[in-house]
Each structure stands twice: as C-alpha cells, then as structure tokens.
Amino acid sequence: MADEQTFEVLLKEFRRVGVDPDTFSAMLALRPEEALRALRVLPDDAGPSAFLSQLRKNGHSQVMESAAAPSIKRDRHRQDKSA
C-alpha cells in the first residue's frame, strides 16, 4: 500500500473504532501495519482502551507503557492542584 493510501485507511479505521489519532501518543511508536492489525479486529466504537488492549495482545507492551505515561502524569498533576 502506498503511504498516502495507508494513512487514509488508518484514519478511517481509527474513526470507526472511536480512537482520536491526534491525541493518541502511542501512535508515534507504532508501524502502520501494527496499528491496522489491531484496529481491524475491533468492533465499531470499541474505543481507545480496546485498541490498547488489542495492542497488548499483539505484543506491543512498550507502546502501552509510553501511551499510559502522559495520562498518569496528568492525573498526578490534577491531584496536586486539588489538594
């Protein structure tokens, strides 16, 4: 698949599954083929957590750790402000 075509297919699959690729930092560490493999087995509107779970099943644990880190930092920051 050509790069532009691959990108369009990825965007279509992300929208179908309910994952916003603009806010998903794990995408930086994924090859398009890996992302497509995980997305294609998910039902419509499965959401980001289902996508992450599928990546884990496919053996992408490093991606999971880097994807989770920003949200953990944000949660800690919120806790500090509310204390």
PDB file of N, CA and C in Angstrom:
ATOM      1  N   MET A   1       0.833  -1.179   0.000  1.00  0.00           N
ATOM      2  CA  MET A   1       0.000   0.000   0.000  1.00  0.00           C
ATOM      3  C   MET A   1       0.878   1.243   0.000  1.00  0.00           C
ATOM      4  N   ALA A   2       0.501   2.232  -0.775  1.00  0.00           N
ATOM      5  CA  ALA A   2       1.239   3.484  -0.805  1.00  0.00           C
ATOM      6  C   ALA A   2       1.038   4.220   0.516  1.00  0.00           C
ATOM      7  N   ASP A   3       2.000   5.061   0.883  1.00  0.00           N
ATOM      8  CA  ASP A   3       1.943   5.768   2.158  1.00  0.00           C
ATOM      9  C   ASP A   3       0.657   6.575   2.333  1.00  0.00           C
ATOM     10  N   GLU A   4       0.278   7.333   1.324  1.00  0.00           N
ATOM     11  CA  GLU A   4      -0.928   8.155   1.422  1.00  0.00           C
ATOM     12  C   GLU A   4      -2.178   7.292   1.589  1.00  0.00           C
ATOM     13  N   GLN A   5      -2.230   6.199   0.851  1.00  0.00           N
ATOM     14  CA  GLN A   5      -3.364   5.284   0.950  1.00  0.00           C
ATOM     15  C   GLN A   5      -3.395   4.616   2.334  1.00  0.00           C
ATOM     16  N   THR A   6      -2.242   4.210   2.830  1.00  0.00           N
ATOM     17  CA  THR A   6      -2.150   3.609   4.159  1.00  0.00           C
ATOM     18  C   THR A   6      -2.647   4.585   5.219  1.00  0.00           C
ATOM     19  N   PHE A   7      -2.246   5.835   5.114  1.00  0.00           N
ATOM     20  CA  PHE A   7      -2.666   6.867   6.061  1.00  0.00           C
ATOM     21  C   PHE A   7      -4.179   7.036   6.040  1.00  0.00           C
ATOM     22  N   GLU A   8      -4.777   7.071   4.863  1.00  0.00           N
ATOM     23  CA  GLU A   8      -6.229   7.215   4.744  1.00  0.00           C
ATOM     24  C   GLU A   8      -6.957   6.020   5.353  1.00  0.00           C
ATOM     25  N   VAL A   9      -6.451   4.822   5.117  1.00  0.00           N
ATOM     26  CA  VAL A   9      -7.054   3.615   5.696  1.00  0.00           C
ATOM     27  C   VAL A   9      -6.951   3.659   7.221  1.00  0.00           C
ATOM     28  N   LEU A  10      -5.793   4.058   7.732  1.00  0.00           N
ATOM     29  CA  LEU A  10      -5.608   4.179   9.180  1.00  0.00           C
ATOM     30  C   LEU A  10      -6.605   5.166   9.785  1.00  0.00           C
ATOM     31  N   LEU A  11      -6.739   6.333   9.188  1.00  0.00           N
ATOM     32  CA  LEU A  11      -7.676   7.332   9.700  1.00  0.00           C
ATOM     33  C   LEU A  11      -9.106   6.805   9.714  1.00  0.00           C
ATOM     34  N   LYS A  12      -9.486   6.123   8.639  1.00  0.00           N
ATOM     35  CA  LYS A  12     -10.829   5.562   8.547  1.00  0.00           C
ATOM     36  C   LYS A  12     -11.059   4.529   9.654  1.00  0.00           C
ATOM     37  N   GLU A  13     -10.069   3.674   9.891  1.00  0.00           N
ATOM     38  CA  GLU A  13     -10.182   2.656  10.936  1.00  0.00           C
ATOM     39  C   GLU A  13     -10.216   3.285  12.335  1.00  0.00           C
ATOM     40  N   PHE A  14      -9.387   4.293  12.568  1.00  0.00           N
ATOM     41  CA  PHE A  14      -9.408   4.980  13.861  1.00  0.00           C
ATOM     42  C   PHE A  14     -10.783   5.583  14.124  1.00  0.00           C
ATOM     43  N   ARG A  15     -11.343   6.241  13.137  1.00  0.00           N
ATOM     44  CA  ARG A  15     -12.678   6.835  13.302  1.00  0.00           C
ATOM     45  C   ARG A  15     -13.721   5.767  13.569  1.00  0.00           C
ATOM     46  N   ARG A  16     -13.649   4.664  12.844  1.00  0.00           N
ATOM     47  CA  ARG A  16     -14.619   3.580  13.011  1.00  0.00           C
ATOM     48  C   ARG A  16     -14.583   3.014  14.421  1.00  0.00           C
ATOM     49  N   VAL A  17     -13.372   2.840  14.949  1.00  0.00           N
ATOM     50  CA  VAL A  17     -13.194   2.238  16.262  1.00  0.00           C
ATOM     51  C   VAL A  17     -13.423   3.269  17.382  1.00  0.00           C
ATOM     52  N   GLY A  18     -13.298   4.540  17.070  1.00  0.00           N
ATOM     53  CA  GLY A  18     -13.510   5.579  18.074  1.00  0.00           C
ATOM     54  C   GLY A  18     -12.251   6.024  18.778  1.00  0.00           C
ATOM     55  N   VAL A  19     -11.133   6.002  18.061  1.00  0.00           N
ATOM     56  CA  VAL A  19      -9.852   6.441  18.610  1.00  0.00           C
ATOM     57  C   VAL A  19      -9.454   7.728  17.891  1.00  0.00           C
ATOM     58  N   ASP A  20      -9.110   8.754  18.658  1.00  0.00           N
ATOM     59  CA  ASP A  20      -8.673  10.024  18.081  1.00  0.00           C
ATOM     60  C   ASP A  20      -7.161   9.971  17.872  1.00  0.00           C
ATOM     61  N   PRO A  21      -6.710   9.807  16.635  1.00  0.00           N
ATOM     62  CA  PRO A  21      -5.265   9.684  16.389  1.00  0.00           C
ATOM     63  C   PRO A  21      -4.483  10.945  16.737  1.00  0.00           C
ATOM     64  N   ASP A  22      -5.154  12.093  16.807  1.00  0.00           N
ATOM     65  CA  ASP A  22      -4.462  13.339  17.146  1.00  0.00           C
ATOM     66  C   ASP A  22      -4.039  13.387  18.611  1.00  0.00           C
ATOM     67  N   THR A  23      -4.709  12.625  19.457  1.00  0.00           N
ATOM     68  CA  THR A  23      -4.393  12.668  20.877  1.00  0.00           C
ATOM     69  C   THR A  23      -3.812  11.356  21.383  1.00  0.00           C
ATOM     70  N   PHE A  24      -3.474  10.473  20.488  1.00  0.00           N
ATOM     71  CA  PHE A  24      -3.009   9.150  20.877  1.00  0.00           C
ATOM     72  C   PHE A  24      -1.501   9.068  20.694  1.00  0.00           C
ATOM     73  N   SER A  25      -0.753   9.297  21.769  1.00  0.00           N
ATOM     74  CA  SER A  25       0.704   9.380  21.684  1.00  0.00           C
ATOM     75  C   SER A  25       1.364   8.056  21.322  1.00  0.00           C
ATOM     76  N   ALA A  26       0.705   6.936  21.583  1.00  0.00           N
ATOM     77  CA  ALA A  26       1.305   5.634  21.269  1.00  0.00           C
ATOM     78  C   ALA A  26       1.526   5.462  19.774  1.00  0.00           C
ATOM     79  N   MET A  27       0.819   6.207  18.958  1.00  0.00           N
ATOM     80  CA  MET A  27       0.958   6.068  17.511  1.00  0.00           C
ATOM     81  C   MET A  27       2.368   6.394  17.041  1.00  0.00           C
ATOM     82  N   LEU A  28       3.069   7.200  17.783  1.00  0.00           N
ATOM     83  CA  LEU A  28       4.431   7.557  17.397  1.00  0.00           C
ATOM     84  C   LEU A  28       5.347   6.345  17.359  1.00  0.00           C
ATOM     85  N   ALA A  29       5.036   5.338  18.167  1.00  0.00           N
ATOM     86  CA  ALA A  29       5.901   4.168  18.259  1.00  0.00           C
ATOM     87  C   ALA A  29       5.398   2.975  17.448  1.00  0.00           C
ATOM     88  N   LEU A  30       4.284   3.121  16.765  1.00  0.00           N
ATOM     89  CA  LEU A  30       3.702   2.010  16.022  1.00  0.00           C
ATOM     90  C   LEU A  30       3.962   2.120  14.530  1.00  0.00           C
ATOM     91  N   ARG A  31       4.178   0.978  13.925  1.00  0.00           N
ATOM     92  CA  ARG A  31       4.206   0.937  12.469  1.00  0.00           C
ATOM     93  C   ARG A  31       2.767   0.886  11.989  1.00  0.00           C
ATOM     94  N   PRO A  32       2.460   1.443  10.835  1.00  0.00           N
ATOM     95  CA  PRO A  32       1.077   1.431  10.336  1.00  0.00           C
ATOM     96  C   PRO A  32       0.481   0.027  10.263  1.00  0.00           C
ATOM     97  N   GLU A  33       1.291  -0.952   9.879  1.00  0.00           N
ATOM     98  CA  GLU A  33       0.780  -2.327   9.765  1.00  0.00           C
ATOM     99  C   GLU A  33       0.341  -2.858  11.128  1.00  0.00           C
ATOM    100  N   GLU A  34       1.082  -2.506  12.182  1.00  0.00           N
ATOM    101  CA  GLU A  34       0.739  -2.955  13.531  1.00  0.00           C
ATOM    102  C   GLU A  34      -0.570  -2.334  13.991  1.00  0.00           C
ATOM    103  N   ALA A  35      -0.719  -1.050  13.738  1.00  0.00           N
ATOM    104  CA  ALA A  35      -1.949  -0.362  14.122  1.00  0.00           C
ATOM    105  C   ALA A  35      -3.140  -0.939  13.368  1.00  0.00           C
ATOM    106  N   LEU A  36      -2.992  -1.138  12.058  1.00  0.00           N
ATOM    107  CA  LEU A  36      -4.088  -1.693  11.258  1.00  0.00           C
ATOM    108  C   LEU A  36      -4.470  -3.089  11.730  1.00  0.00           C
ATOM    109  N   ARG A  37      -3.500  -3.904  12.052  1.00  0.00           N
ATOM    110  CA  ARG A  37      -3.769  -5.260  12.526  1.00  0.00           C
ATOM    111  C   ARG A  37      -4.634  -5.217  13.784  1.00  0.00           C
ATOM    112  N   ALA A  38      -4.298  -4.324  14.697  1.00  0.00           N
ATOM    113  CA  ALA A  38      -5.065  -4.204  15.940  1.00  0.00           C
ATOM    114  C   ALA A  38      -6.444  -3.611  15.687  1.00  0.00           C
ATOM    115  N   LEU A  39      -6.527  -2.596  14.849  1.00  0.00           N
ATOM    116  CA  LEU A  39      -7.802  -1.929  14.588  1.00  0.00           C
ATOM    117  C   LEU A  39      -8.804  -2.826  13.871  1.00  0.00           C
ATOM    118  N   ARG A  40      -8.351  -3.600  12.931  1.00  0.00           N
ATOM    119  CA  ARG A  40      -9.256  -4.382  12.086  1.00  0.00           C
ATOM    120  C   ARG A  40     -10.023  -5.467  12.828  1.00  0.00           C
ATOM    121  N   VAL A  41      -9.532  -5.908  13.965  1.00  0.00           N
ATOM    122  CA  VAL A  41     -10.243  -6.945  14.712  1.00  0.00           C
ATOM    123  C   VAL A  41     -11.252  -6.353  15.699  1.00  0.00           C
ATOM    124  N   LEU A  42     -11.250  -5.036  15.860  1.00  0.00           N
ATOM    125  CA  LEU A  42     -12.133  -4.396  16.828  1.00  0.00           C
ATOM    126  C   LEU A  42     -13.479  -4.033  16.205  1.00  0.00           C
ATOM    127  N   PRO A  43     -14.538  -4.081  17.030  1.00  0.00           N
ATOM    128  CA  PRO A  43     -15.853  -3.664  16.540  1.00  0.00           C
ATOM    129  C   PRO A  43     -15.944  -2.142  16.450  1.00  0.00           C
ATOM    130  N   ASP A  44     -16.948  -1.650  15.768  1.00  0.00           N
ATOM    131  CA  ASP A  44     -17.199  -0.211  15.690  1.00  0.00           C
ATOM    132  C   ASP A  44     -17.334   0.364  17.095  1.00  0.00           C
ATOM    133  N   ASP A  45     -16.810   1.569  17.286  1.00  0.00           N
ATOM    134  CA  ASP A  45     -16.908   2.307  18.548  1.00  0.00           C
ATOM    135  C   ASP A  45     -16.336   1.557  19.756  1.00  0.00           C
ATOM    136  N   ALA A  46     -15.333   0.732  19.541  1.00  0.00           N
ATOM    137  CA  ALA A  46     -14.713  -0.018  20.639  1.00  0.00           C
ATOM    138  C   ALA A  46     -13.971   0.912  21.599  1.00  0.00           C
ATOM    139  N   GLY A  47     -13.411   1.988  21.088  1.00  0.00           N
ATOM    140  CA  GLY A  47     -12.743   2.977  21.930  1.00  0.00           C
ATOM    141  C   GLY A  47     -11.256   2.740  22.110  1.00  0.00           C
ATOM    142  N   PRO A  48     -10.583   3.752  22.671  1.00  0.00           N
ATOM    143  CA  PRO A  48      -9.128   3.701  22.855  1.00  0.00           C
ATOM    144  C   PRO A  48      -8.656   2.574  23.761  1.00  0.00           C
ATOM    145  N   SER A  49      -9.390   2.260  24.827  1.00  0.00           N
ATOM    146  CA  SER A  49      -8.925   1.214  25.734  1.00  0.00           C
ATOM    147  C   SER A  49      -8.949  -0.151  25.057  1.00  0.00           C
ATOM    148  N   ALA A  50      -9.919  -0.379  24.181  1.00  0.00           N
ATOM    149  CA  ALA A  50      -9.958  -1.641  23.438  1.00  0.00           C
ATOM    150  C   ALA A  50      -8.782  -1.715  22.465  1.00  0.00           C
ATOM    151  N   PHE A  51      -8.438  -0.587  21.866  1.00  0.00           N
ATOM    152  CA  PHE A  51      -7.300  -0.538  20.954  1.00  0.00           C
ATOM    153  C   PHE A  51      -6.006  -0.859  21.709  1.00  0.00           C
ATOM    154  N   LEU A  52      -5.832  -0.243  22.876  1.00  0.00           N
ATOM    155  CA  LEU A  52      -4.642  -0.516  23.685  1.00  0.00           C
ATOM    156  C   LEU A  52      -4.593  -1.978  24.112  1.00  0.00           C
ATOM    157  N   SER A  53      -5.726  -2.513  24.491  1.00  0.00           N
ATOM    158  CA  SER A  53      -5.794  -3.917  24.893  1.00  0.00           C
ATOM    159  C   SER A  53      -5.402  -4.839  23.741  1.00  0.00           C
ATOM    160  N   GLN A  54      -5.881  -4.512  22.555  1.00  0.00           N
ATOM    161  CA  GLN A  54      -5.543  -5.323  21.383  1.00  0.00           C
ATOM    162  C   GLN A  54      -4.056  -5.234  21.063  1.00  0.00           C
ATOM    163  N   LEU A  55      -3.472  -4.062  21.228  1.00  0.00           N
ATOM    164  CA  LEU A  55      -2.031  -3.918  21.016  1.00  0.00           C
ATOM    165  C   LEU A  55      -1.259  -4.772  22.008  1.00  0.00           C
ATOM    166  N   ARG A  56      -1.717  -4.806  23.250  1.00  0.00           N
ATOM    167  CA  ARG A  56      -1.068  -5.659  24.258  1.00  0.00           C
ATOM    168  C   ARG A  56      -1.124  -7.122  23.839  1.00  0.00           C
ATOM    169  N   LYS A  57      -2.281  -7.547  23.360  1.00  0.00           N
ATOM    170  CA  LYS A  57      -2.444  -8.932  22.906  1.00  0.00           C
ATOM    171  C   LYS A  57      -1.485  -9.246  21.773  1.00  0.00           C
ATOM    172  N   ASN A  58      -1.194  -8.250  20.946  1.00  0.00           N
ATOM    173  CA  ASN A  58      -0.293  -8.432  19.817  1.00  0.00           C
ATOM    174  C   ASN A  58       1.166  -8.276  20.213  1.00  0.00           C
ATOM    175  N   GLY A  59       1.423  -8.034  21.510  1.00  0.00           N
ATOM    176  CA  GLY A  59       2.798  -7.987  21.987  1.00  0.00           C
ATOM    177  C   GLY A  59       3.468  -6.641  21.927  1.00  0.00           C
ATOM    178  N   HIS A  60       2.719  -5.571  22.063  1.00  0.00           N
ATOM    179  CA  HIS A  60       3.287  -4.228  21.999  1.00  0.00           C
ATOM    180  C   HIS A  60       3.284  -3.583  23.377  1.00  0.00           C
ATOM    181  N   SER A  61       3.900  -4.208  24.353  1.00  0.00           N
ATOM    182  CA  SER A  61       3.867  -3.712  25.727  1.00  0.00           C
ATOM    183  C   SER A  61       4.622  -2.397  25.899  1.00  0.00           C
ATOM    184  N   GLN A  62       5.694  -2.179  25.162  1.00  0.00           N
ATOM    185  CA  GLN A  62       6.428  -0.915  25.272  1.00  0.00           C
ATOM    186  C   GLN A  62       5.555   0.252  24.854  1.00  0.00           C
ATOM    187  N   VAL A  63       4.762   0.046  23.824  1.00  0.00           N
ATOM    188  CA  VAL A  63       3.869   1.091  23.355  1.00  0.00           C
ATOM    189  C   VAL A  63       2.857   1.414  24.439  1.00  0.00           C
ATOM    190  N   MET A  64       2.376   0.410  25.115  1.00  0.00           N
ATOM    191  CA  MET A  64       1.385   0.610  26.159  1.00  0.00           C
ATOM    192  C   MET A  64       1.934   1.471  27.288  1.00  0.00           C
ATOM    193  N   GLU A  65       3.165   1.205  27.690  1.00  0.00           N
ATOM    194  CA  GLU A  65       3.761   1.976  28.769  1.00  0.00           C
ATOM    195  C   GLU A  65       3.918   3.433  28.369  1.00  0.00           C
ATOM    196  N   SER A  66       4.361   3.700  27.162  1.00  0.00           N
ATOM    197  CA  SER A  66       4.548   5.086  26.734  1.00  0.00           C
ATOM    198  C   SER A  66       3.216   5.780  26.519  1.00  0.00           C
ATOM    199  N   ALA A  67       2.187   5.047  26.133  1.00  0.00           N
ATOM    200  CA  ALA A  67       0.870   5.641  25.942  1.00  0.00           C
ATOM    201  C   ALA A  67       0.226   5.975  27.273  1.00  0.00           C
ATOM    202  N   ALA A  68       0.467   5.173  28.279  1.00  0.00           N
ATOM    203  CA  ALA A  68      -0.143   5.383  29.582  1.00  0.00           C
ATOM    204  C   ALA A  68       0.552   6.504  30.357  1.00  0.00           C
ATOM    205  N   ALA A  69       1.810   6.712  30.133  1.00  0.00           N
ATOM    206  CA  ALA A  69       2.576   7.679  30.919  1.00  0.00           C
ATOM    207  C   ALA A  69       1.988   9.091  30.916  1.00  0.00           C
ATOM    208  N   PRO A  70       1.608   9.667  29.772  1.00  0.00           N
ATOM    209  CA  PRO A  70       1.076  11.034  29.807  1.00  0.00           C
ATOM    210  C   PRO A  70      -0.184  11.159  30.657  1.00  0.00           C
ATOM    211  N   SER A  71      -1.095  10.194  30.597  1.00  0.00           N
ATOM    212  CA  SER A  71      -2.321  10.288  31.382  1.00  0.00           C
ATOM    213  C   SER A  71      -2.036  10.144  32.860  1.00  0.00           C
ATOM    214  N   ILE A  72      -1.082   9.330  33.224  1.00  0.00           N
ATOM    215  CA  ILE A  72      -0.707   9.185  34.626  1.00  0.00           C
ATOM    216  C   ILE A  72      -0.149  10.506  35.142  1.00  0.00           C
ATOM    217  N   LYS A  73       0.708  11.143  34.351  1.00  0.00           N
ATOM    218  CA  LYS A  73       1.273  12.427  34.759  1.00  0.00           C
ATOM    219  C   LYS A  73       0.168  13.468  34.924  1.00  0.00           C
ATOM    220  N   ARG A  74      -0.804  13.494  34.004  1.00  0.00           N
ATOM    221  CA  ARG A  74      -1.902  14.443  34.098  1.00  0.00           C
ATOM    222  C   ARG A  74      -2.728  14.190  35.349  1.00  0.00           C
ATOM    223  N   ASP A  75      -3.004  12.931  35.673  1.00  0.00           N
ATOM    224  CA  ASP A  75      -3.778  12.606  36.863  1.00  0.00           C
ATOM    225  C   ASP A  75      -3.056  13.063  38.123  1.00  0.00           C
ATOM    226  N   ARG A  76      -1.758  12.860  38.186  1.00  0.00           N
ATOM    227  CA  ARG A  76      -0.986  13.302  39.350  1.00  0.00           C
ATOM    228  C   ARG A  76      -1.037  14.821  39.469  1.00  0.00           C
ATOM    229  N   HIS A  77      -0.963  15.508  38.326  1.00  0.00           N
ATOM    230  CA  HIS A  77      -0.991  16.965  38.314  1.00  0.00           C
ATOM    231  C   HIS A  77      -2.339  17.455  38.840  1.00  0.00           C
ATOM    232  N   ARG A  78      -3.421  16.807  38.423  1.00  0.00           N
ATOM    233  CA  ARG A  78      -4.748  17.180  38.909  1.00  0.00           C
ATOM    234  C   ARG A  78      -4.857  16.966  40.405  1.00  0.00           C
ATOM    235  N   GLN A  79      -4.313  15.863  40.890  1.00  0.00           N
ATOM    236  CA  GLN A  79      -4.378  15.569  42.316  1.00  0.00           C
ATOM    237  C   GLN A  79      -3.639  16.637  43.107  1.00  0.00           C
ATOM    238  N   ASP A  80      -2.497  17.084  42.591  1.00  0.00           N
ATOM    239  CA  ASP A  80      -1.730  18.094  43.282  1.00  0.00           C
ATOM    240  C   ASP A  80      -2.507  19.407  43.387  1.00  0.00           C
ATOM    241  N   LYS A  81      -3.220  19.781  42.335  1.00  0.00           N
ATOM    242  CA  LYS A  81      -3.961  21.038  42.314  1.00  0.00           C
ATOM    243  C   LYS A  81      -5.173  20.986  43.230  1.00  0.00           C
ATOM    244  N   SER A  82      -5.784  19.830  43.335  1.00  0.00           N
ATOM    245  CA  SER A  82      -6.996  19.742  44.143  1.00  0.00           C
ATOM    246  C   SER A  82      -6.700  19.552  45.630  1.00  0.00           C
ATOM    247  N   ALA A  83      -5.472  19.277  45.971  1.00  0.00           N
ATOM    248  CA  ALA A  83      -5.125  19.009  47.370  1.00  0.00           C
ATOM    249  C   ALA A  83      -5.041  20.282  48.185  1.00  0.00           C
TER     250      ALA A  83
END
